[in-house]
Amino acid sequence: MLAADYPFLDVLGSMFFFFLFVIWIWMVVVIFSDIFRSEDLSGGSKALWSIFIIFLPFVGIFAYRIAR
């Protein structure tokens, strides 16, 4: 009865958006680990990159990927 209320394409759409969300979280974790492992960045620049990624996630991550 539940399957009749939730069509197959809606299931695929939900899975797709969940997968995109998981990819986004994984990208944030990888970039934070790269920021804090980097020895050529000072503590202040690590803090600024972290704040930039926390408050403007899309712009911050793409800017970090381009800059580094």
N, C-alpha and C. Protein backbone atom coordinates (compact mmCIF):
# COMPACT_ATOMS: atom_id res chain seq x y z
N MET A 1 0.82 -1.18 0.00
CA MET A 1 0.00 0.00 0.00
C MET A 1 0.87 1.26 0.00
N LEU A 2 1.98 1.22 0.71
CA LEU A 2 2.88 2.37 0.74
C LEU A 2 3.55 2.58 -0.61
N ALA A 3 3.86 1.50 -1.32
CA ALA A 3 4.53 1.61 -2.61
C ALA A 3 3.65 2.30 -3.64
N ALA A 4 2.36 2.20 -3.53
CA ALA A 4 1.46 2.84 -4.48
C ALA A 4 1.45 4.35 -4.30
N ASP A 5 1.78 4.82 -3.12
CA ASP A 5 1.78 6.26 -2.85
C ASP A 5 3.12 6.92 -3.17
N TYR A 6 4.15 6.15 -3.47
CA TYR A 6 5.48 6.70 -3.70
C TYR A 6 6.05 6.04 -4.96
N PRO A 7 5.85 6.65 -6.13
CA PRO A 7 6.26 6.03 -7.40
C PRO A 7 7.77 5.81 -7.49
N PHE A 8 8.13 4.96 -8.44
CA PHE A 8 9.53 4.55 -8.60
C PHE A 8 10.45 5.74 -8.92
N LEU A 9 10.00 6.67 -9.77
CA LEU A 9 10.84 7.82 -10.10
C LEU A 9 11.06 8.73 -8.90
N ASP A 10 10.10 8.81 -8.01
CA ASP A 10 10.30 9.57 -6.78
C ASP A 10 11.34 8.90 -5.89
N VAL A 11 11.35 7.58 -5.86
CA VAL A 11 12.37 6.85 -5.10
C VAL A 11 13.75 7.12 -5.69
N LEU A 12 13.86 7.06 -7.01
CA LEU A 12 15.15 7.35 -7.66
C LEU A 12 15.59 8.79 -7.41
N GLY A 13 14.65 9.72 -7.46
CA GLY A 13 14.98 11.12 -7.19
C GLY A 13 15.46 11.32 -5.76
N SER A 14 14.78 10.67 -4.82
CA SER A 14 15.20 10.77 -3.42
C SER A 14 16.59 10.17 -3.22
N MET A 15 16.85 9.04 -3.86
CA MET A 15 18.17 8.42 -3.75
C MET A 15 19.25 9.30 -4.37
N PHE A 16 18.94 9.93 -5.48
CA PHE A 16 19.90 10.82 -6.15
C PHE A 16 20.26 12.01 -5.26
N PHE A 17 19.24 12.65 -4.68
CA PHE A 17 19.52 13.81 -3.83
C PHE A 17 20.21 13.41 -2.54
N PHE A 18 19.91 12.24 -2.00
CA PHE A 18 20.62 11.75 -0.83
C PHE A 18 22.08 11.49 -1.17
N PHE A 19 22.34 10.91 -2.34
CA PHE A 19 23.71 10.66 -2.79
C PHE A 19 24.48 11.97 -2.97
N LEU A 20 23.82 12.99 -3.55
CA LEU A 20 24.47 14.30 -3.68
C LEU A 20 24.79 14.90 -2.31
N PHE A 21 23.90 14.72 -1.34
CA PHE A 21 24.14 15.21 0.01
C PHE A 21 25.34 14.52 0.64
N VAL A 22 25.44 13.21 0.46
CA VAL A 22 26.57 12.45 1.00
C VAL A 22 27.88 12.90 0.34
N ILE A 23 27.85 13.12 -0.97
CA ILE A 23 29.04 13.61 -1.67
C ILE A 23 29.45 14.97 -1.13
N TRP A 24 28.47 15.84 -0.88
CA TRP A 24 28.77 17.18 -0.37
C TRP A 24 29.41 17.10 1.02
N ILE A 25 28.87 16.28 1.90
CA ILE A 25 29.45 16.12 3.24
C ILE A 25 30.85 15.54 3.14
N TRP A 26 31.05 14.58 2.26
CA TRP A 26 32.38 13.99 2.09
C TRP A 26 33.38 15.04 1.58
N MET A 27 32.95 15.91 0.67
CA MET A 27 33.83 16.95 0.15
C MET A 27 34.22 17.94 1.25
N VAL A 28 33.28 18.27 2.11
CA VAL A 28 33.58 19.18 3.22
C VAL A 28 34.59 18.54 4.17
N VAL A 29 34.42 17.27 4.48
CA VAL A 29 35.35 16.57 5.38
C VAL A 29 36.75 16.51 4.76
N VAL A 30 36.84 16.20 3.48
CA VAL A 30 38.14 16.10 2.81
C VAL A 30 38.82 17.46 2.77
N ILE A 31 38.08 18.52 2.51
CA ILE A 31 38.70 19.84 2.44
C ILE A 31 39.15 20.31 3.82
N PHE A 32 38.34 20.04 4.87
CA PHE A 32 38.80 20.39 6.21
C PHE A 32 40.04 19.61 6.61
N SER A 33 40.10 18.35 6.25
CA SER A 33 41.31 17.58 6.56
C SER A 33 42.50 18.12 5.78
N ASP A 34 42.30 18.56 4.55
CA ASP A 34 43.38 19.13 3.77
C ASP A 34 43.85 20.46 4.36
N ILE A 35 42.91 21.25 4.85
CA ILE A 35 43.27 22.54 5.47
C ILE A 35 44.13 22.30 6.70
N PHE A 36 43.70 21.40 7.56
CA PHE A 36 44.41 21.23 8.83
C PHE A 36 45.67 20.37 8.72
N ARG A 37 45.83 19.61 7.63
CA ARG A 37 47.08 18.87 7.41
C ARG A 37 48.14 19.71 6.73
N SER A 38 47.73 20.79 6.09
CA SER A 38 48.67 21.60 5.31
C SER A 38 49.66 22.31 6.23
N GLU A 39 50.93 22.12 5.94
CA GLU A 39 51.97 22.75 6.76
C GLU A 39 52.37 24.12 6.25
N ASP A 40 52.00 24.47 5.02
CA ASP A 40 52.37 25.76 4.48
C ASP A 40 51.36 26.86 4.82
N LEU A 41 50.24 26.51 5.44
CA LEU A 41 49.28 27.51 5.89
C LEU A 41 49.53 27.84 7.35
N SER A 42 49.42 29.13 7.67
CA SER A 42 49.56 29.52 9.07
C SER A 42 48.24 29.27 9.80
N GLY A 43 48.26 29.42 11.10
CA GLY A 43 47.06 29.18 11.89
C GLY A 43 45.94 30.15 11.55
N GLY A 44 46.31 31.40 11.28
CA GLY A 44 45.29 32.39 10.93
C GLY A 44 44.62 32.10 9.60
N SER A 45 45.42 31.68 8.62
CA SER A 45 44.82 31.37 7.32
C SER A 45 43.98 30.09 7.39
N LYS A 46 44.38 29.14 8.24
CA LYS A 46 43.54 27.95 8.44
C LYS A 46 42.21 28.35 9.06
N ALA A 47 42.24 29.26 10.02
CA ALA A 47 41.01 29.71 10.66
C ALA A 47 40.13 30.47 9.66
N LEU A 48 40.74 31.31 8.83
CA LEU A 48 39.96 32.06 7.84
C LEU A 48 39.33 31.15 6.80
N TRP A 49 40.10 30.17 6.30
CA TRP A 49 39.52 29.22 5.35
C TRP A 49 38.38 28.45 6.00
N SER A 50 38.55 28.04 7.25
CA SER A 50 37.51 27.27 7.94
C SER A 50 36.24 28.11 8.12
N ILE A 51 36.41 29.35 8.54
CA ILE A 51 35.25 30.24 8.72
C ILE A 51 34.57 30.49 7.39
N PHE A 52 35.37 30.70 6.34
CA PHE A 52 34.83 30.94 5.01
C PHE A 52 34.02 29.75 4.52
N ILE A 53 34.50 28.55 4.77
CA ILE A 53 33.79 27.35 4.34
C ILE A 53 32.55 27.10 5.20
N ILE A 54 32.60 27.45 6.47
CA ILE A 54 31.44 27.23 7.33
C ILE A 54 30.31 28.21 6.99
N PHE A 55 30.63 29.48 6.78
CA PHE A 55 29.58 30.48 6.56
C PHE A 55 29.14 30.60 5.11
N LEU A 56 30.00 30.32 4.16
CA LEU A 56 29.64 30.32 2.74
C LEU A 56 30.11 29.01 2.12
N PRO A 57 29.41 27.93 2.37
CA PRO A 57 29.94 26.61 2.00
C PRO A 57 30.20 26.43 0.50
N PHE A 58 29.24 26.78 -0.35
CA PHE A 58 29.44 26.56 -1.79
C PHE A 58 30.58 27.41 -2.32
N VAL A 59 30.54 28.69 -2.02
CA VAL A 59 31.59 29.60 -2.50
C VAL A 59 32.92 29.26 -1.86
N GLY A 60 32.92 28.94 -0.57
CA GLY A 60 34.16 28.64 0.13
C GLY A 60 34.85 27.40 -0.40
N ILE A 61 34.08 26.34 -0.63
CA ILE A 61 34.69 25.10 -1.13
C ILE A 61 35.21 25.27 -2.54
N PHE A 62 34.44 25.92 -3.39
CA PHE A 62 34.91 26.11 -4.76
C PHE A 62 36.10 27.05 -4.81
N ALA A 63 36.11 28.08 -3.98
CA ALA A 63 37.25 29.00 -3.94
C ALA A 63 38.50 28.28 -3.42
N TYR A 64 38.33 27.42 -2.42
CA TYR A 64 39.47 26.67 -1.90
C TYR A 64 40.01 25.71 -2.95
N ARG A 65 39.12 25.04 -3.66
CA ARG A 65 39.57 24.10 -4.71
C ARG A 65 40.31 24.82 -5.83
N ILE A 66 39.90 26.03 -6.15
CA ILE A 66 40.58 26.79 -7.19
C ILE A 66 41.89 27.36 -6.68
N ALA A 67 41.90 27.88 -5.45
CA ALA A 67 43.10 28.53 -4.90
C ALA A 67 44.17 27.53 -4.51
N ARG A 68 43.80 26.34 -4.05
CA ARG A 68 44.77 25.38 -3.57
C ARG A 68 44.85 24.22 -4.51
